[in-house]
């Protein structure tokens, strides 16, 4: 009788445990995701310097602290590590978001917060981001989200002053754009959407990349903004790193908030939070290359 009861419980666990690697979140249909994080579920782990993400300035005390499969604090240098926290001050989904702030005179403002997943040649990511203060000037060089490793940004989403790499650059510098970046040839490109014109707005960003076809697609607020071929030396990805690594020492306060991160590896469209969309509103009929 006891054996049958235990087998019954085991069967229930097999049926009801979600087949998902994702972190905890309130996203509908999260079985499709390898990462799903809204910062709203559970109590963050506490470490030597306080609650996760544990970013005491100028120290490595946050290193190795984990929560929801995120590992925090891979490096802290030059007095950085003083600008990231889980906060209730602003959010897309209540009650938390992830805040990163950079202050004048700081460089390499981290710690990194990393989440691994099975290697894939097809990645889709969707997140909400709110830029609180404008980024201006030639020093807008900010590695926002790394894939795989922060030591070689060969596949990362950056903040840049232009939506595509041009030389010579425009004068004056137009603002702040999210782009896909690689150090191979110092290439970057992204949708022509200037976040400096949308301060204090939650913007839904979705990016797809297929490493076999080298096709990249971007959506902003559910609208297809860019489709083109783009080359990177990376052949697959296996982790996501929230960093905000500054390329140069900044001379202005910059603050942004990140919420509702979702990553898929089946090439599927994600759509805005809670929409349950599986196909984009305007799926591309053919590859549109923007030069």
C-alpha atoms as a PDB file:
ATOM      1  CA  UNK A   1       0.000   0.000   0.000  1.00  0.00           C
ATOM      2  CA  UNK A   2       2.775   2.434   0.928  1.00  0.00           C
ATOM      3  CA  UNK A   3       4.665   1.616  -2.266  1.00  0.00           C
ATOM      4  CA  UNK A   4       1.540   2.241  -4.376  1.00  0.00           C
ATOM      5  CA  UNK A   5       0.953   5.558  -2.604  1.00  0.00           C
ATOM      6  CA  UNK A   6       4.535   6.680  -3.245  1.00  0.00           C
ATOM      7  CA  UNK A   7       4.262   5.707  -6.901  1.00  0.00           C
ATOM      8  CA  UNK A   8       1.029   7.709  -7.129  1.00  0.00           C
ATOM      9  CA  UNK A   9       2.739  10.803  -5.658  1.00  0.00           C
ATOM     10  CA  UNK A  10       5.648  10.369  -8.058  1.00  0.00           C
ATOM     11  CA  UNK A  11       3.238  10.196 -10.999  1.00  0.00           C
ATOM     12  CA  UNK A  12       1.588  13.425  -9.876  1.00  0.00           C
ATOM     13  CA  UNK A  13       4.963  15.154  -9.709  1.00  0.00           C
ATOM     14  CA  UNK A  14       5.823  14.021 -13.220  1.00  0.00           C
ATOM     15  CA  UNK A  15       2.510  15.395 -14.488  1.00  0.00           C
ATOM     16  CA  UNK A  16       2.467  18.692 -12.632  1.00  0.00           C
ATOM     17  CA  UNK A  17       6.098  19.818 -12.483  1.00  0.00           C
ATOM     18  CA  UNK A  18       6.483  22.240 -15.423  1.00  0.00           C
ATOM     19  CA  UNK A  19       8.833  21.124 -18.179  1.00  0.00           C
ATOM     20  CA  UNK A  20      10.722  24.394 -17.998  1.00  0.00           C
ATOM     21  CA  UNK A  21      14.209  25.563 -17.087  1.00  0.00           C
ATOM     22  CA  UNK A  22      13.040  29.120 -16.638  1.00  0.00           C
ATOM     23  CA  UNK A  23      13.281  31.101 -13.445  1.00  0.00           C
ATOM     24  CA  UNK A  24      10.074  31.750 -11.560  1.00  0.00           C
ATOM     25  CA  UNK A  25       7.754  34.300 -13.095  1.00  0.00           C
ATOM     26  CA  UNK A  26       4.102  35.169 -13.627  1.00  0.00           C
ATOM     27  CA  UNK A  27       4.331  35.006 -17.432  1.00  0.00           C
ATOM     28  CA  UNK A  28       1.498  33.018 -19.037  1.00  0.00           C
ATOM     29  CA  UNK A  29       2.633  29.933 -20.933  1.00  0.00           C
ATOM     30  CA  UNK A  30       6.080  29.874 -19.365  1.00  0.00           C
ATOM     31  CA  UNK A  31       6.703  26.267 -20.443  1.00  0.00           C
ATOM     32  CA  UNK A  32       7.976  27.733 -23.731  1.00  0.00           C
ATOM     33  CA  UNK A  33      10.823  29.582 -22.041  1.00  0.00           C
ATOM     34  CA  UNK A  34      14.308  28.732 -20.830  1.00  0.00           C
ATOM     35  CA  UNK A  35      14.421  32.034 -18.918  1.00  0.00           C
ATOM     36  CA  UNK A  36      11.408  33.816 -17.499  1.00  0.00           C
ATOM     37  CA  UNK A  37      12.041  36.450 -14.833  1.00  0.00           C
ATOM     38  CA  UNK A  38       9.893  39.263 -13.493  1.00  0.00           C
ATOM     39  CA  UNK A  39      11.642  39.678 -10.093  1.00  0.00           C
ATOM     40  CA  UNK A  40       8.216  39.380  -8.425  1.00  0.00           C
ATOM     41  CA  UNK A  41       8.202  35.858  -6.973  1.00  0.00           C
ATOM     42  CA  UNK A  42      10.025  34.821  -3.831  1.00  0.00           C
ATOM     43  CA  UNK A  43      12.484  36.541  -1.500  1.00  0.00           C
ATOM     44  CA  UNK A  44      15.936  37.344  -2.924  1.00  0.00           C
ATOM     45  CA  UNK A  45      18.885  35.532  -1.366  1.00  0.00           C
ATOM     46  CA  UNK A  46      20.922  37.467   1.196  1.00  0.00           C
ATOM     47  CA  UNK A  47      24.714  37.556   1.069  1.00  0.00           C
ATOM     48  CA  UNK A  48      27.638  39.255   2.781  1.00  0.00           C
ATOM     49  CA  UNK A  49      26.691  42.676   1.493  1.00  0.00           C
ATOM     50  CA  UNK A  50      22.923  42.509   1.705  1.00  0.00           C
ATOM     51  CA  UNK A  51      20.165  41.205  -0.514  1.00  0.00           C
ATOM     52  CA  UNK A  52      20.716  39.911  -4.053  1.00  0.00           C
ATOM     53  CA  UNK A  53      22.111  41.262  -6.352  1.00  0.00           C
ATOM     54  CA  UNK A  54      24.585  42.162  -3.584  1.00  0.00           C
ATOM     55  CA  UNK A  55      26.572  44.964  -5.155  1.00  0.00           C
ATOM     56  CA  UNK A  56      28.577  46.653  -2.429  1.00  0.00           C
ATOM     57  CA  UNK A  57      30.820  49.268  -4.128  1.00  0.00           C
ATOM     58  CA  UNK A  58      34.355  48.239  -4.939  1.00  0.00           C
ATOM     59  CA  UNK A  59      34.157  44.678  -3.629  1.00  0.00           C
ATOM     60  CA  UNK A  60      33.712  41.139  -4.844  1.00  0.00           C
ATOM     61  CA  UNK A  61      31.406  40.168  -1.991  1.00  0.00           C
ATOM     62  CA  UNK A  62      28.541  39.467  -4.360  1.00  0.00           C
ATOM     63  CA  UNK A  63      30.442  36.779  -6.226  1.00  0.00           C
ATOM     64  CA  UNK A  64      28.699  33.429  -6.453  1.00  0.00           C
ATOM     65  CA  UNK A  65      25.388  34.403  -4.830  1.00  0.00           C
ATOM     66  CA  UNK A  66      22.472  32.705  -6.601  1.00  0.00           C
ATOM     67  CA  UNK A  67      18.724  33.279  -6.788  1.00  0.00           C
ATOM     68  CA  UNK A  68      16.189  31.946  -9.318  1.00  0.00           C
ATOM     69  CA  UNK A  69      19.089  30.341 -11.228  1.00  0.00           C
ATOM     70  CA  UNK A  70      20.812  33.718 -11.605  1.00  0.00           C
ATOM     71  CA  UNK A  71      24.389  33.842 -10.333  1.00  0.00           C
ATOM     72  CA  UNK A  72      25.550  37.273  -9.303  1.00  0.00           C
ATOM     73  CA  UNK A  73      28.738  39.256  -9.061  1.00  0.00           C
ATOM     74  CA  UNK A  74      31.247  37.673 -11.460  1.00  0.00           C
ATOM     75  CA  UNK A  75      33.504  40.702 -11.211  1.00  0.00           C
ATOM     76  CA  UNK A  76      33.615  44.166  -9.673  1.00  0.00           C
ATOM     77  CA  UNK A  77      36.435  46.581 -10.520  1.00  0.00           C
ATOM     78  CA  UNK A  78      37.444  50.230 -10.283  1.00  0.00           C
ATOM     79  CA  UNK A  79      34.945  51.068  -7.583  1.00  0.00           C
ATOM     80  CA  UNK A  80      31.976  49.927  -9.643  1.00  0.00           C
ATOM     81  CA  UNK A  81      29.228  47.558  -8.521  1.00  0.00           C
ATOM     82  CA  UNK A  82      27.222  50.361  -6.980  1.00  0.00           C
ATOM     83  CA  UNK A  83      24.241  50.639  -9.249  1.00  0.00           C
ATOM     84  CA  UNK A  84      22.096  47.487  -9.488  1.00  0.00           C
ATOM     85  CA  UNK A  85      19.263  46.341  -7.267  1.00  0.00           C
ATOM     86  CA  UNK A  86      15.855  44.716  -7.271  1.00  0.00           C
ATOM     87  CA  UNK A  87      13.522  47.632  -6.632  1.00  0.00           C
ATOM     88  CA  UNK A  88       9.865  48.492  -6.047  1.00  0.00           C
ATOM     89  CA  UNK A  89      10.235  52.110  -7.186  1.00  0.00           C
ATOM     90  CA  UNK A  90       9.219  51.338 -10.788  1.00  0.00           C
ATOM     91  CA  UNK A  91       8.061  48.148 -12.472  1.00  0.00           C
ATOM     92  CA  UNK A  92       6.185  46.831 -15.478  1.00  0.00           C
ATOM     93  CA  UNK A  93       4.638  43.930 -13.574  1.00  0.00           C
ATOM     94  CA  UNK A  94       4.062  44.550  -9.868  1.00  0.00           C
ATOM     95  CA  UNK A  95       5.858  44.822  -7.524  1.00  0.00           C
ATOM     96  CA  UNK A  96       9.529  44.613  -8.638  1.00  0.00           C
ATOM     97  CA  UNK A  97      11.948  45.339 -11.447  1.00  0.00           C
ATOM     98  CA  UNK A  98      15.735  45.270 -11.833  1.00  0.00           C
ATOM     99  CA  UNK A  99      17.311  48.733 -11.589  1.00  0.00           C
ATOM    100  CA  UNK A 100      20.755  49.727 -12.875  1.00  0.00           C
ATOM    101  CA  UNK A 101      22.170  53.196 -12.315  1.00  0.00           C
ATOM    102  CA  UNK A 102      25.511  54.702 -13.323  1.00  0.00           C
ATOM    103  CA  UNK A 103      26.911  57.810 -11.694  1.00  0.00           C
ATOM    104  CA  UNK A 104      29.482  60.279 -13.054  1.00  0.00           C
ATOM    105  CA  UNK A 105      33.054  59.089 -12.776  1.00  0.00           C
ATOM    106  CA  UNK A 106      32.248  55.369 -12.501  1.00  0.00           C
ATOM    107  CA  UNK A 107      33.516  52.789 -14.965  1.00  0.00           C
ATOM    108  CA  UNK A 108      32.731  49.113 -15.501  1.00  0.00           C
ATOM    109  CA  UNK A 109      29.621  49.390 -13.323  1.00  0.00           C
ATOM    110  CA  UNK A 110      28.667  45.794 -12.582  1.00  0.00           C
ATOM    111  CA  UNK A 111      28.222  43.039 -11.004  1.00  0.00           C
ATOM    112  CA  UNK A 112      27.083  40.734 -13.727  1.00  0.00           C
ATOM    113  CA  UNK A 113      23.984  38.633 -13.156  1.00  0.00           C
ATOM    114  CA  UNK A 114      24.108  35.431 -15.203  1.00  0.00           C
ATOM    115  CA  UNK A 115      21.596  32.730 -16.141  1.00  0.00           C
ATOM    116  CA  UNK A 116      22.614  29.630 -18.147  1.00  0.00           C
ATOM    117  CA  UNK A 117      20.486  27.429 -20.391  1.00  0.00           C
ATOM    118  CA  UNK A 118      21.094  24.581 -22.892  1.00  0.00           C
ATOM    119  CA  UNK A 119      23.165  25.596 -25.923  1.00  0.00           C
ATOM    120  CA  UNK A 120      21.057  26.774 -28.840  1.00  0.00           C
ATOM    121  CA  UNK A 121      21.473  28.030 -32.401  1.00  0.00           C
ATOM    122  CA  UNK A 122      18.171  29.882 -32.313  1.00  0.00           C
ATOM    123  CA  UNK A 123      17.446  32.472 -29.636  1.00  0.00           C
ATOM    124  CA  UNK A 124      14.568  34.863 -29.002  1.00  0.00           C
ATOM    125  CA  UNK A 125      14.571  37.365 -26.150  1.00  0.00           C
ATOM    126  CA  UNK A 126      11.877  39.755 -24.991  1.00  0.00           C
ATOM    127  CA  UNK A 127      12.104  42.266 -22.163  1.00  0.00           C
ATOM    128  CA  UNK A 128      10.664  45.565 -20.974  1.00  0.00           C
ATOM    129  CA  UNK A 129      13.035  48.444 -20.379  1.00  0.00           C
ATOM    130  CA  UNK A 130      12.494  51.951 -19.036  1.00  0.00           C
ATOM    131  CA  UNK A 131      15.171  54.607 -19.567  1.00  0.00           C
ATOM    132  CA  UNK A 132      14.834  57.193 -16.840  1.00  0.00           C
ATOM    133  CA  UNK A 133      17.610  59.617 -17.800  1.00  0.00           C
ATOM    134  CA  UNK A 134      18.877  60.393 -21.319  1.00  0.00           C
ATOM    135  CA  UNK A 135      22.138  59.061 -22.709  1.00  0.00           C
ATOM    136  CA  UNK A 136      23.901  61.573 -24.923  1.00  0.00           C
ATOM    137  CA  UNK A 137      27.276  62.180 -26.524  1.00  0.00           C
ATOM    138  CA  UNK A 138      29.989  60.001 -27.982  1.00  0.00           C
ATOM    139  CA  UNK A 139      30.370  58.046 -24.719  1.00  0.00           C
ATOM    140  CA  UNK A 140      27.153  56.049 -25.162  1.00  0.00           C
ATOM    141  CA  UNK A 141      28.882  52.682 -25.226  1.00  0.00           C
ATOM    142  CA  UNK A 142      27.161  50.382 -22.827  1.00  0.00           C
ATOM    143  CA  UNK A 143      27.066  46.569 -22.989  1.00  0.00           C
ATOM    144  CA  UNK A 144      23.563  45.973 -21.644  1.00  0.00           C
ATOM    145  CA  UNK A 145      22.923  42.237 -22.092  1.00  0.00           C
ATOM    146  CA  UNK A 146      25.692  39.782 -22.923  1.00  0.00           C
ATOM    147  CA  UNK A 147      25.129  36.328 -24.312  1.00  0.00           C
ATOM    148  CA  UNK A 148      27.690  33.692 -23.284  1.00  0.00           C
ATOM    149  CA  UNK A 149      30.493  35.826 -21.847  1.00  0.00           C
ATOM    150  CA  UNK A 150      31.136  39.405 -20.827  1.00  0.00           C
ATOM    151  CA  UNK A 151      34.876  39.060 -21.489  1.00  0.00           C
ATOM    152  CA  UNK A 152      34.320  39.025 -25.260  1.00  0.00           C
ATOM    153  CA  UNK A 153      31.180  40.846 -26.400  1.00  0.00           C
ATOM    154  CA  UNK A 154      30.761  38.938 -29.641  1.00  0.00           C
ATOM    155  CA  UNK A 155      27.015  38.678 -29.189  1.00  0.00           C
ATOM    156  CA  UNK A 156      25.473  41.330 -26.982  1.00  0.00           C
ATOM    157  CA  UNK A 157      22.717  43.917 -26.881  1.00  0.00           C
ATOM    158  CA  UNK A 158      24.225  47.369 -26.392  1.00  0.00           C
ATOM    159  CA  UNK A 159      23.142  50.925 -25.809  1.00  0.00           C
ATOM    160  CA  UNK A 160      24.740  53.073 -28.539  1.00  0.00           C
ATOM    161  CA  UNK A 161      24.433  56.656 -29.743  1.00  0.00           C
ATOM    162  CA  UNK A 162      23.485  55.455 -33.258  1.00  0.00           C
ATOM    163  CA  UNK A 163      21.085  52.741 -34.443  1.00  0.00           C
ATOM    164  CA  UNK A 164      23.648  51.495 -36.965  1.00  0.00           C
ATOM    165  CA  UNK A 165      27.413  51.831 -37.067  1.00  0.00           C
ATOM    166  CA  UNK A 166      28.449  54.640 -39.419  1.00  0.00           C
ATOM    167  CA  UNK A 167      31.706  56.451 -39.934  1.00  0.00           C
ATOM    168  CA  UNK A 168      32.116  59.307 -39.561  1.00  0.00           C
ATOM    169  CA  UNK A 169      29.385  59.386 -36.907  1.00  0.00           C
ATOM    170  CA  UNK A 170      26.611  61.976 -37.106  1.00  0.00           C
ATOM    171  CA  UNK A 171      27.087  65.326 -35.425  1.00  0.00           C
ATOM    172  CA  UNK A 172      25.467  65.913 -33.050  1.00  0.00           C
ATOM    173  CA  UNK A 173      25.073  62.359 -31.737  1.00  0.00           C
ATOM    174  CA  UNK A 174      21.376  61.566 -32.058  1.00  0.00           C
ATOM    175  CA  UNK A 175      20.671  59.741 -28.823  1.00  0.00           C
ATOM    176  CA  UNK A 176      20.329  56.257 -27.368  1.00  0.00           C
ATOM    177  CA  UNK A 177      19.479  53.092 -29.286  1.00  0.00           C
ATOM    178  CA  UNK A 178      19.511  49.369 -28.499  1.00  0.00           C
ATOM    179  CA  UNK A 179      21.573  47.401 -31.025  1.00  0.00           C
ATOM    180  CA  UNK A 180      22.938  43.899 -31.526  1.00  0.00           C
ATOM    181  CA  UNK A 181      26.736  44.087 -31.274  1.00  0.00           C
ATOM    182  CA  UNK A 182      29.808  41.998 -32.013  1.00  0.00           C
ATOM    183  CA  UNK A 183      33.494  42.817 -31.659  1.00  0.00           C
ATOM    184  CA  UNK A 184      34.110  41.033 -34.943  1.00  0.00           C
ATOM    185  CA  UNK A 185      34.561  44.061 -37.165  1.00  0.00           C
ATOM    186  CA  UNK A 186      33.006  46.236 -34.433  1.00  0.00           C
ATOM    187  CA  UNK A 187      29.624  45.763 -36.042  1.00  0.00           C
ATOM    188  CA  UNK A 188      26.319  46.777 -34.569  1.00  0.00           C
ATOM    189  CA  UNK A 189      22.823  47.357 -35.883  1.00  0.00           C
ATOM    190  CA  UNK A 190      19.369  47.695 -34.364  1.00  0.00           C
ATOM    191  CA  UNK A 191      15.962  49.289 -34.864  1.00  0.00           C
ATOM    192  CA  UNK A 192      15.754  53.024 -35.433  1.00  0.00           C
ATOM    193  CA  UNK A 193      14.059  53.677 -32.084  1.00  0.00           C
ATOM    194  CA  UNK A 194      15.576  56.455 -29.995  1.00  0.00           C
ATOM    195  CA  UNK A 195      14.928  55.809 -26.300  1.00  0.00           C
ATOM    196  CA  UNK A 196      15.860  59.398 -25.473  1.00  0.00           C
ATOM    197  CA  UNK A 197      12.532  60.301 -27.087  1.00  0.00           C
ATOM    198  CA  UNK A 198      10.680  57.828 -24.839  1.00  0.00           C
ATOM    199  CA  UNK A 199      12.035  58.555 -21.376  1.00  0.00           C
ATOM    200  CA  UNK A 200      10.122  57.052 -18.445  1.00  0.00           C
ATOM    201  CA  UNK A 201       8.132  54.797 -20.770  1.00  0.00           C
ATOM    202  CA  UNK A 202       8.117  51.012 -20.501  1.00  0.00           C
ATOM    203  CA  UNK A 203       9.140  49.777 -23.961  1.00  0.00           C
ATOM    204  CA  UNK A 204       8.680  46.149 -25.055  1.00  0.00           C
ATOM    205  CA  UNK A 205      11.793  44.956 -26.931  1.00  0.00           C
ATOM    206  CA  UNK A 206      12.009  41.598 -28.721  1.00  0.00           C
ATOM    207  CA  UNK A 207      14.968  40.299 -30.723  1.00  0.00           C
ATOM    208  CA  UNK A 208      15.360  37.013 -32.628  1.00  0.00           C
ATOM    209  CA  UNK A 209      18.535  35.563 -34.103  1.00  0.00           C
ATOM    210  CA  UNK A 210      19.117  32.335 -36.046  1.00  0.00           C
ATOM    211  CA  UNK A 211      22.816  31.391 -36.098  1.00  0.00           C
ATOM    212  CA  UNK A 212      22.419  29.087 -39.111  1.00  0.00           C
ATOM    213  CA  UNK A 213      20.630  31.538 -41.408  1.00  0.00           C
ATOM    214  CA  UNK A 214      22.202  34.630 -39.756  1.00  0.00           C
ATOM    215  CA  UNK A 215      18.797  36.292 -39.812  1.00  0.00           C
ATOM    216  CA  UNK A 216      18.010  38.918 -37.196  1.00  0.00           C
ATOM    217  CA  UNK A 217      14.558  40.327 -36.428  1.00  0.00           C
ATOM    218  CA  UNK A 218      13.639  43.105 -33.977  1.00  0.00           C
ATOM    219  CA  UNK A 219      10.232  44.095 -32.633  1.00  0.00           C
ATOM    220  CA  UNK A 220       9.440  47.198 -30.575  1.00  0.00           C
ATOM    221  CA  UNK A 221       6.113  47.236 -28.736  1.00  0.00           C
ATOM    222  CA  UNK A 222       4.963  44.283 -30.846  1.00  0.00           C
ATOM    223  CA  UNK A 223       5.776  45.917 -34.188  1.00  0.00           C
ATOM    224  CA  UNK A 224       8.397  44.502 -36.544  1.00  0.00           C
ATOM    225  CA  UNK A 225      11.087  47.195 -36.791  1.00  0.00           C
ATOM    226  CA  UNK A 226      14.021  45.506 -38.514  1.00  0.00           C
ATOM    227  CA  UNK A 227      14.798  42.286 -40.397  1.00  0.00           C
ATOM    228  CA  UNK A 228      18.177  41.638 -41.975  1.00  0.00           C
ATOM    229  CA  UNK A 229      21.172  39.339 -42.247  1.00  0.00           C
ATOM    230  CA  UNK A 230      23.929  39.963 -39.706  1.00  0.00           C
ATOM    231  CA  UNK A 231      27.143  38.051 -39.067  1.00  0.00           C
ATOM    232  CA  UNK A 232      28.710  37.124 -35.755  1.00  0.00           C
ATOM    233  CA  UNK A 233      31.594  34.687 -35.075  1.00  0.00           C
ATOM    234  CA  UNK A 234      29.473  33.097 -32.348  1.00  0.00           C
ATOM    235  CA  UNK A 235      27.806  29.852 -33.482  1.00  0.00           C
ATOM    236  CA  UNK A 236      25.476  29.305 -30.522  1.00  0.00           C
ATOM    237  CA  UNK A 237      24.558  30.777 -27.143  1.00  0.00           C
ATOM    238  CA  UNK A 238      24.155  29.176 -23.730  1.00  0.00           C
ATOM    239  CA  UNK A 239      23.741  32.006 -21.207  1.00  0.00           C
ATOM    240  CA  UNK A 240      22.377  35.490 -20.655  1.00  0.00           C
ATOM    241  CA  UNK A 241      24.235  38.089 -18.583  1.00  0.00           C
ATOM    242  CA  UNK A 242      22.658  41.300 -17.286  1.00  0.00           C
ATOM    243  CA  UNK A 243      25.619  43.625 -17.020  1.00  0.00           C
ATOM    244  CA  UNK A 244      25.495  47.202 -18.162  1.00  0.00           C
ATOM    245  CA  UNK A 245      29.259  47.268 -18.616  1.00  0.00           C
ATOM    246  CA  UNK A 246      30.340  50.801 -19.522  1.00  0.00           C
ATOM    247  CA  UNK A 247      32.919  50.983 -22.316  1.00  0.00           C
ATOM    248  CA  UNK A 248      34.194  54.374 -21.106  1.00  0.00           C
ATOM    249  CA  UNK A 249      34.014  56.438 -17.940  1.00  0.00           C
ATOM    250  CA  UNK A 250      30.707  58.262 -18.010  1.00  0.00           C
ATOM    251  CA  UNK A 251      30.099  61.925 -17.237  1.00  0.00           C
ATOM    252  CA  UNK A 252      26.356  61.767 -16.583  1.00  0.00           C
ATOM    253  CA  UNK A 253      23.869  59.892 -14.412  1.00  0.00           C
ATOM    254  CA  UNK A 254      22.139  57.109 -16.339  1.00  0.00           C
ATOM    255  CA  UNK A 255      19.307  55.062 -14.878  1.00  0.00           C
ATOM    256  CA  UNK A 256      17.229  52.333 -16.442  1.00  0.00           C
ATOM    257  CA  UNK A 257      14.904  49.561 -15.265  1.00  0.00           C
ATOM    258  CA  UNK A 258      14.547  46.058 -16.659  1.00  0.00           C
ATOM    259  CA  UNK A 259      11.512  43.801 -16.211  1.00  0.00           C
ATOM    260  CA  UNK A 260       9.759  40.699 -17.583  1.00  0.00           C
ATOM    261  CA  UNK A 261      12.675  39.002 -19.345  1.00  0.00           C
ATOM    262  CA  UNK A 262      11.754  35.984 -21.466  1.00  0.00           C
ATOM    263  CA  UNK A 263      14.091  33.780 -23.543  1.00  0.00           C
ATOM    264  CA  UNK A 264      13.028  31.073 -26.009  1.00  0.00           C
ATOM    265  CA  UNK A 265      15.257  28.743 -28.010  1.00  0.00           C
ATOM    266  CA  UNK A 266      12.721  27.332 -30.475  1.00  0.00           C
ATOM    267  CA  UNK A 267      12.621  30.407 -32.706  1.00  0.00           C
ATOM    268  CA  UNK A 268       9.078  31.233 -31.649  1.00  0.00           C
ATOM    269  CA  UNK A 269       7.639  34.717 -31.410  1.00  0.00           C
ATOM    270  CA  UNK A 270       7.014  35.823 -27.821  1.00  0.00           C
ATOM    271  CA  UNK A 271       4.903  38.969 -27.989  1.00  0.00           C
ATOM    272  CA  UNK A 272       4.062  41.518 -25.283  1.00  0.00           C
ATOM    273  CA  UNK A 273       3.580  40.399 -21.696  1.00  0.00           C
ATOM    274  CA  UNK A 274       0.338  38.521 -21.113  1.00  0.00           C
ATOM    275  CA  UNK A 275      -0.697  38.538 -24.770  1.00  0.00           C
ATOM    276  CA  UNK A 276      -0.137  34.841 -25.373  1.00  0.00           C
ATOM    277  CA  UNK A 277       0.742  35.628 -28.991  1.00  0.00           C
ATOM    278  CA  UNK A 278       2.547  32.879 -30.882  1.00  0.00           C
ATOM    279  CA  UNK A 279       2.913  34.615 -34.248  1.00  0.00           C
ATOM    280  CA  UNK A 280       3.917  38.235 -34.813  1.00  0.00           C
ATOM    281  CA  UNK A 281       1.239  40.731 -35.824  1.00  0.00           C
ATOM    282  CA  UNK A 282       3.006  41.382 -39.153  1.00  0.00           C
ATOM    283  CA  UNK A 283       5.224  38.355 -39.902  1.00  0.00           C
ATOM    284  CA  UNK A 284       7.892  39.146 -42.498  1.00  0.00           C
ATOM    285  CA  UNK A 285       7.109  37.691 -45.930  1.00  0.00           C
ATOM    286  CA  UNK A 286      10.727  37.897 -47.077  1.00  0.00           C
ATOM    287  CA  UNK A 287      14.064  39.091 -45.749  1.00  0.00           C
ATOM    288  CA  UNK A 288      14.192  42.879 -45.666  1.00  0.00           C
ATOM    289  CA  UNK A 289      17.749  44.155 -45.567  1.00  0.00           C
ATOM    290  CA  UNK A 290      18.321  47.672 -44.269  1.00  0.00           C
ATOM    291  CA  UNK A 291      21.761  49.096 -44.962  1.00  0.00           C
END
